[in-house]
Amino acid sequence: MQFWQFLGTAIDPIALKLGPIQIHWYGVIIASAVIIALILSVREGQRVGIESDNFYDYILWALPVAIIFARAYYVIFEWGYYSQHPAEIVAVWDGGIAIYGSLIGALLVMWLFCRSRFISIWTMLDVVAPTVILAQAIGRWGNFMNQEAFGKITSLAFLQDLHLPAFIINQMYINGAYRTPTFLYESCWDLLGFLILFGLRHRHHLFRQGEVFLSYLLWYSAGRFVIEGMRTDSLMIGNTIRVSQVLSVILFVGAIVLIIIRRHRQYPWYLETKATK
């Protein structure tokens, strides 16, 4: 800790340089998050009868589509900038990908994939939901490396009162001022959500089919709505409406409605479902 205090500078977002090739911490962290999520999903899939090859095949299709959707989502709502800098549209290594965009892309691929493999999409969603929110918790540290997803200007004393390591405090010094570490708030919220879902989903007669995933939507969207309101780099509609807050409300309400409907129709319990149709 004393080393970082002495250093007093932000972390270089580039992890490794190999001649003209630059490997960014952002990409390393996102890739690590995906690998961890994949490993945990494969293990859980075995428990409910989904063969491991299905997860490997799915990720090969879903990952590029999710990246494209995540970038497109971000670029669309920042078109005022990218219309003037079109060469930067593909520069995902500098950050600027939206989690909600990646989720939309991944869900679209999952729907098509499960239909083609005759796998229950609700069971598949229940399997991957806890690992997705864990990946999101890890991925926020990619934003940390790029000094993104920050909040309003704050004081050094405020950050020190949070008992943060000095390297986080140093990295929160952005554009001449200390910033609220909203990336950290969301990472911690997501990690807590993972621990809850991971710890409870094997309880008998607690989650019906699809409810692990829907609970993930409830947890994530609620936290994202609150934390998004603290950020100063949000994607906006006009100058007043935060895109992620609008989508969070839609997902939260939609998840509640679906839980009520599926409870009324008495869908089978998660651990008693069949993975194949």
Protein backbone atom coordinates (compact mmCIF):
# COMPACT_ATOMS: atom_id res chain seq x y z
CA MET A 1 0.00 0.00 0.00
CA GLN A 2 2.82 2.37 0.80
CA PHE A 3 4.27 1.61 -2.63
CA TRP A 4 1.12 2.85 -4.38
CA GLN A 5 0.96 5.91 -2.15
CA PHE A 6 4.50 6.72 -3.15
CA LEU A 7 3.78 6.09 -6.80
CA GLY A 8 0.75 8.37 -6.75
CA THR A 9 -0.11 7.82 -10.42
CA ALA A 10 -2.81 6.02 -12.36
CA ILE A 11 -2.24 2.47 -13.55
CA ASP A 12 -1.20 2.06 -17.16
CA PRO A 13 -4.21 0.59 -19.02
CA ILE A 14 -1.81 -1.39 -21.22
CA ALA A 15 -0.80 -4.67 -19.59
CA LEU A 16 1.75 -5.81 -22.14
CA LYS A 17 3.42 -4.55 -25.30
CA LEU A 18 4.71 -6.97 -27.93
CA GLY A 19 6.15 -4.75 -30.63
CA PRO A 20 3.22 -2.97 -32.26
CA ILE A 21 0.74 -5.19 -30.39
CA GLN A 22 -0.72 -3.80 -27.18
CA ILE A 23 -2.62 -5.98 -24.73
CA HIS A 24 -4.93 -3.89 -22.56
CA TRP A 25 -5.88 -4.72 -18.99
CA TYR A 26 -9.50 -4.15 -20.02
CA GLY A 27 -9.36 -7.08 -22.43
CA VAL A 28 -7.44 -9.30 -20.02
CA ILE A 29 -10.00 -8.75 -17.27
CA ILE A 30 -13.02 -9.25 -19.53
CA ALA A 31 -11.51 -12.44 -20.98
CA SER A 32 -10.77 -13.74 -17.47
CA ALA A 33 -14.35 -13.02 -16.40
CA VAL A 34 -15.72 -14.96 -19.39
CA ILE A 35 -13.46 -17.96 -18.72
CA ILE A 36 -14.44 -18.13 -15.04
CA ALA A 37 -18.14 -17.83 -15.93
CA LEU A 38 -17.78 -20.60 -18.54
CA ILE A 39 -16.08 -22.99 -16.11
CA LEU A 40 -18.74 -22.50 -13.45
CA SER A 41 -21.56 -22.82 -16.00
CA VAL A 42 -20.17 -26.12 -17.30
CA ARG A 43 -20.06 -27.52 -13.77
CA GLU A 44 -23.63 -26.49 -13.02
CA GLY A 45 -24.79 -27.70 -16.42
CA GLN A 46 -23.66 -31.21 -15.54
CA ARG A 47 -25.96 -31.09 -12.54
CA VAL A 48 -29.07 -30.36 -14.62
CA GLY A 49 -28.21 -32.48 -17.64
CA ILE A 50 -26.69 -29.99 -20.11
CA GLU A 51 -23.61 -31.40 -21.80
CA SER A 52 -20.45 -29.32 -21.51
CA ASP A 53 -20.03 -29.08 -25.29
CA ASN A 54 -23.19 -27.01 -25.45
CA PHE A 55 -21.61 -24.28 -23.33
CA TYR A 56 -18.40 -24.26 -25.36
CA ASP A 57 -20.33 -24.10 -28.61
CA TYR A 58 -22.61 -21.40 -27.27
CA ILE A 59 -19.79 -19.15 -26.13
CA LEU A 60 -18.11 -19.35 -29.54
CA TRP A 61 -21.22 -17.80 -31.07
CA ALA A 62 -22.32 -15.59 -28.19
CA LEU A 63 -19.04 -13.87 -27.36
CA PRO A 64 -18.46 -12.05 -30.68
CA VAL A 65 -22.14 -11.18 -30.99
CA ALA A 66 -22.22 -9.85 -27.41
CA ILE A 67 -19.17 -7.67 -28.08
CA ILE A 68 -20.72 -6.30 -31.27
CA PHE A 69 -24.03 -5.55 -29.55
CA ALA A 70 -22.26 -4.03 -26.53
CA ARG A 71 -20.25 -1.71 -28.74
CA ALA A 72 -23.19 -0.87 -31.01
CA TYR A 73 -25.33 -0.02 -27.97
CA TYR A 74 -22.65 2.34 -26.68
CA VAL A 75 -21.92 3.93 -30.05
CA ILE A 76 -25.62 4.55 -30.79
CA PHE A 77 -26.07 6.57 -27.63
CA GLU A 78 -22.76 8.38 -28.14
CA TRP A 79 -23.31 8.98 -31.84
CA GLY A 80 -22.66 12.69 -31.51
CA TYR A 81 -19.03 11.83 -30.78
CA TYR A 82 -18.53 8.80 -33.01
CA SER A 83 -20.10 10.44 -36.03
CA GLN A 84 -17.14 12.82 -35.89
CA HIS A 85 -14.60 10.07 -35.07
CA PRO A 86 -15.72 7.02 -37.09
CA ALA A 87 -12.29 5.38 -36.93
CA GLU A 88 -12.76 4.93 -33.17
CA ILE A 89 -15.97 2.93 -33.48
CA VAL A 90 -14.07 -0.37 -33.48
CA ALA A 91 -11.67 0.60 -30.66
CA VAL A 92 -13.30 -1.60 -28.00
CA TRP A 93 -9.92 -2.05 -26.28
CA ASP A 94 -10.20 1.54 -25.07
CA GLY A 95 -13.47 0.73 -23.31
CA GLY A 96 -16.90 1.96 -24.23
CA ILE A 97 -18.93 -1.22 -24.31
CA ALA A 98 -22.31 -1.43 -22.60
CA ILE A 99 -23.24 -4.36 -20.38
CA TYR A 100 -26.90 -4.13 -21.34
CA GLY A 101 -25.95 -4.28 -25.00
CA SER A 102 -23.90 -7.42 -24.44
CA LEU A 103 -26.79 -9.04 -22.54
CA ILE A 104 -29.18 -8.34 -25.41
CA GLY A 105 -26.79 -9.91 -27.91
CA ALA A 106 -26.06 -12.92 -25.69
CA LEU A 107 -29.76 -13.54 -25.05
CA LEU A 108 -30.56 -13.41 -28.74
CA VAL A 109 -27.88 -15.99 -29.49
CA MET A 110 -29.04 -18.16 -26.57
CA TRP A 111 -32.61 -18.20 -27.84
CA LEU A 112 -31.48 -19.32 -31.29
CA PHE A 113 -28.92 -21.76 -29.89
CA CYS A 114 -31.31 -23.47 -27.47
CA ARG A 115 -33.94 -23.84 -30.17
CA SER A 116 -31.43 -25.50 -32.48
CA ARG A 117 -30.13 -27.86 -29.76
CA PHE A 118 -33.58 -28.59 -28.23
CA ILE A 119 -32.44 -27.29 -24.84
CA SER A 120 -34.79 -25.54 -22.41
CA ILE A 121 -33.79 -21.90 -22.59
CA TRP A 122 -35.12 -21.25 -19.08
CA THR A 123 -32.91 -23.98 -17.63
CA MET A 124 -29.94 -22.67 -19.58
CA LEU A 125 -30.62 -19.16 -18.28
CA ASP A 126 -30.88 -20.43 -14.71
CA VAL A 127 -27.51 -22.14 -15.07
CA VAL A 128 -25.63 -19.14 -16.45
CA ALA A 129 -27.31 -16.31 -14.49
CA PRO A 130 -25.13 -16.49 -11.34
CA THR A 131 -21.98 -16.79 -13.42
CA VAL A 132 -22.99 -13.82 -15.57
CA ILE A 133 -23.36 -11.53 -12.58
CA LEU A 134 -19.99 -12.76 -11.30
CA ALA A 135 -18.46 -11.92 -14.68
CA GLN A 136 -20.02 -8.48 -14.44
CA ALA A 137 -18.49 -7.99 -10.99
CA ILE A 138 -15.08 -8.89 -12.38
CA GLY A 139 -15.58 -6.90 -15.58
CA ARG A 140 -16.11 -3.65 -13.69
CA TRP A 141 -12.42 -3.77 -12.84
CA GLY A 142 -11.77 -3.35 -16.54
CA ASN A 143 -13.61 -0.05 -16.23
CA PHE A 144 -11.39 0.72 -13.25
CA MET A 145 -8.28 0.21 -15.35
CA ASN A 146 -9.65 2.52 -18.05
CA GLN A 147 -10.87 5.06 -15.47
CA GLU A 148 -14.49 4.66 -16.57
CA ALA A 149 -17.84 4.20 -14.82
CA PHE A 150 -17.03 6.84 -12.20
CA GLY A 151 -19.22 9.18 -10.20
CA LYS A 152 -19.23 12.80 -9.18
CA ILE A 153 -16.23 14.76 -7.96
CA THR A 154 -15.39 13.96 -4.37
CA SER A 155 -12.56 14.54 -1.91
CA LEU A 156 -9.49 12.56 -1.02
CA ALA A 157 -10.77 12.43 2.57
CA PHE A 158 -14.01 10.76 1.44
CA LEU A 159 -12.12 8.03 -0.40
CA GLN A 160 -9.79 7.48 2.52
CA ASP A 161 -12.80 7.20 4.86
CA LEU A 162 -13.99 4.28 2.73
CA HIS A 163 -10.73 2.52 3.73
CA LEU A 164 -9.86 1.89 0.10
CA PRO A 165 -6.38 0.72 -0.90
CA ALA A 166 -4.24 3.57 -2.16
CA PHE A 167 -4.04 2.13 -5.69
CA ILE A 168 -7.83 2.52 -6.02
CA ILE A 169 -7.69 6.06 -4.66
CA ASN A 170 -4.92 6.95 -7.10
CA GLN A 171 -6.90 5.52 -10.01
CA MET A 172 -9.93 7.57 -9.01
CA TYR A 173 -7.99 10.77 -9.67
CA ILE A 174 -9.48 11.57 -13.08
CA ASN A 175 -9.19 14.78 -15.07
CA GLY A 176 -7.76 16.74 -12.17
CA ALA A 177 -10.19 15.62 -9.46
CA TYR A 178 -11.00 12.62 -7.28
CA ARG A 179 -14.12 10.74 -8.37
CA THR A 180 -16.66 8.56 -6.57
CA PRO A 181 -15.77 4.89 -7.26
CA THR A 182 -19.14 3.80 -8.64
CA PHE A 183 -17.40 1.01 -10.55
CA LEU A 184 -16.53 -0.47 -7.14
CA TYR A 185 -20.06 -0.05 -5.81
CA GLU A 186 -21.45 -2.02 -8.73
CA SER A 187 -18.73 -4.66 -8.56
CA CYS A 188 -19.50 -5.27 -4.88
CA TRP A 189 -23.25 -5.33 -5.55
CA ASP A 190 -22.80 -7.87 -8.34
CA LEU A 191 -20.49 -10.03 -6.22
CA LEU A 192 -23.06 -10.07 -3.41
CA GLY A 193 -25.74 -11.05 -5.93
CA PHE A 194 -23.57 -13.91 -7.16
CA LEU A 195 -23.02 -15.21 -3.62
CA ILE A 196 -26.76 -15.11 -2.88
CA LEU A 197 -27.82 -16.83 -6.11
CA PHE A 198 -24.98 -19.34 -5.97
CA GLY A 199 -25.78 -20.19 -2.37
CA LEU A 200 -29.55 -20.46 -2.72
CA ARG A 201 -30.26 -21.95 -6.14
CA HIS A 202 -29.83 -25.53 -4.91
CA ARG A 203 -32.40 -25.11 -2.14
CA HIS A 204 -35.30 -27.41 -2.90
CA HIS A 205 -38.62 -25.76 -3.70
CA LEU A 206 -37.21 -22.26 -3.63
CA PHE A 207 -36.76 -21.39 -7.32
CA ARG A 208 -39.06 -22.53 -10.07
CA GLN A 209 -37.72 -22.95 -13.57
CA GLY A 210 -36.53 -19.56 -14.82
CA GLU A 211 -36.60 -17.87 -11.42
CA VAL A 212 -32.84 -17.98 -10.83
CA PHE A 213 -32.45 -15.93 -13.99
CA LEU A 214 -35.37 -13.65 -13.16
CA SER A 215 -33.97 -13.11 -9.66
CA TYR A 216 -30.70 -12.12 -11.29
CA LEU A 217 -32.57 -9.54 -13.36
CA LEU A 218 -34.27 -8.18 -10.24
CA TRP A 219 -31.02 -7.93 -8.29
CA TYR A 220 -28.88 -6.50 -11.05
CA SER A 221 -31.41 -3.99 -12.40
CA ALA A 222 -32.23 -2.67 -8.91
CA GLY A 223 -28.57 -2.08 -8.11
CA ARG A 224 -27.80 -0.69 -11.54
CA PHE A 225 -30.67 1.80 -11.30
CA VAL A 226 -29.37 3.25 -8.03
CA ILE A 227 -25.68 3.23 -8.94
CA GLU A 228 -26.31 4.61 -12.43
CA GLY A 229 -27.85 7.66 -10.77
CA MET A 230 -24.49 8.33 -9.10
CA ARG A 231 -22.48 8.22 -12.31
CA THR A 232 -21.46 11.22 -14.37
CA ASP A 233 -20.52 9.32 -17.53
CA SER A 234 -23.88 7.68 -18.23
CA LEU A 235 -25.32 7.15 -21.67
CA MET A 236 -28.16 9.64 -21.99
CA ILE A 237 -31.33 10.28 -23.94
CA GLY A 238 -31.30 14.04 -24.31
CA ASN A 239 -29.73 15.59 -21.25
CA THR A 240 -32.01 14.21 -18.55
CA ILE A 241 -32.85 10.52 -19.09
CA ARG A 242 -30.26 7.86 -18.30
CA VAL A 243 -30.59 4.97 -20.73
CA SER A 244 -29.54 2.31 -18.23
CA GLN A 245 -32.01 3.50 -15.63
CA VAL A 246 -34.89 3.25 -18.10
CA LEU A 247 -33.86 -0.26 -19.10
CA SER A 248 -33.36 -1.23 -15.46
CA VAL A 249 -36.95 -0.26 -14.64
CA ILE A 250 -38.26 -2.22 -17.64
CA LEU A 251 -36.28 -5.33 -16.66
CA PHE A 252 -37.24 -5.08 -12.98
CA VAL A 253 -40.96 -4.79 -13.68
CA GLY A 254 -40.80 -7.42 -16.41
CA ALA A 255 -39.06 -9.89 -14.12
CA ILE A 256 -41.70 -9.44 -11.41
CA VAL A 257 -44.51 -9.99 -13.92
CA LEU A 258 -42.88 -13.14 -15.29
CA ILE A 259 -42.30 -14.56 -11.80
CA ILE A 260 -45.97 -14.02 -10.95
CA ILE A 261 -47.12 -15.63 -14.21
CA ARG A 262 -44.80 -18.61 -13.90
CA ARG A 263 -45.73 -19.17 -10.25
CA HIS A 264 -49.41 -19.08 -11.19
CA ARG A 265 -48.84 -21.67 -13.92
CA GLN A 266 -46.80 -23.79 -11.48
CA TYR A 267 -43.74 -24.41 -13.59
CA PRO A 268 -41.46 -27.16 -12.23
CA TRP A 269 -38.79 -26.45 -9.64
CA TYR A 270 -35.32 -25.62 -10.92
CA LEU A 271 -33.61 -28.80 -9.73
CA GLU A 272 -36.47 -30.94 -11.08
CA THR A 273 -36.46 -29.56 -14.61
CA LYS A 274 -35.33 -31.37 -17.73
CA ALA A 275 -32.66 -29.58 -19.69
CA THR A 276 -33.84 -30.97 -23.00
CA LYS A 277 -37.26 -30.41 -24.48
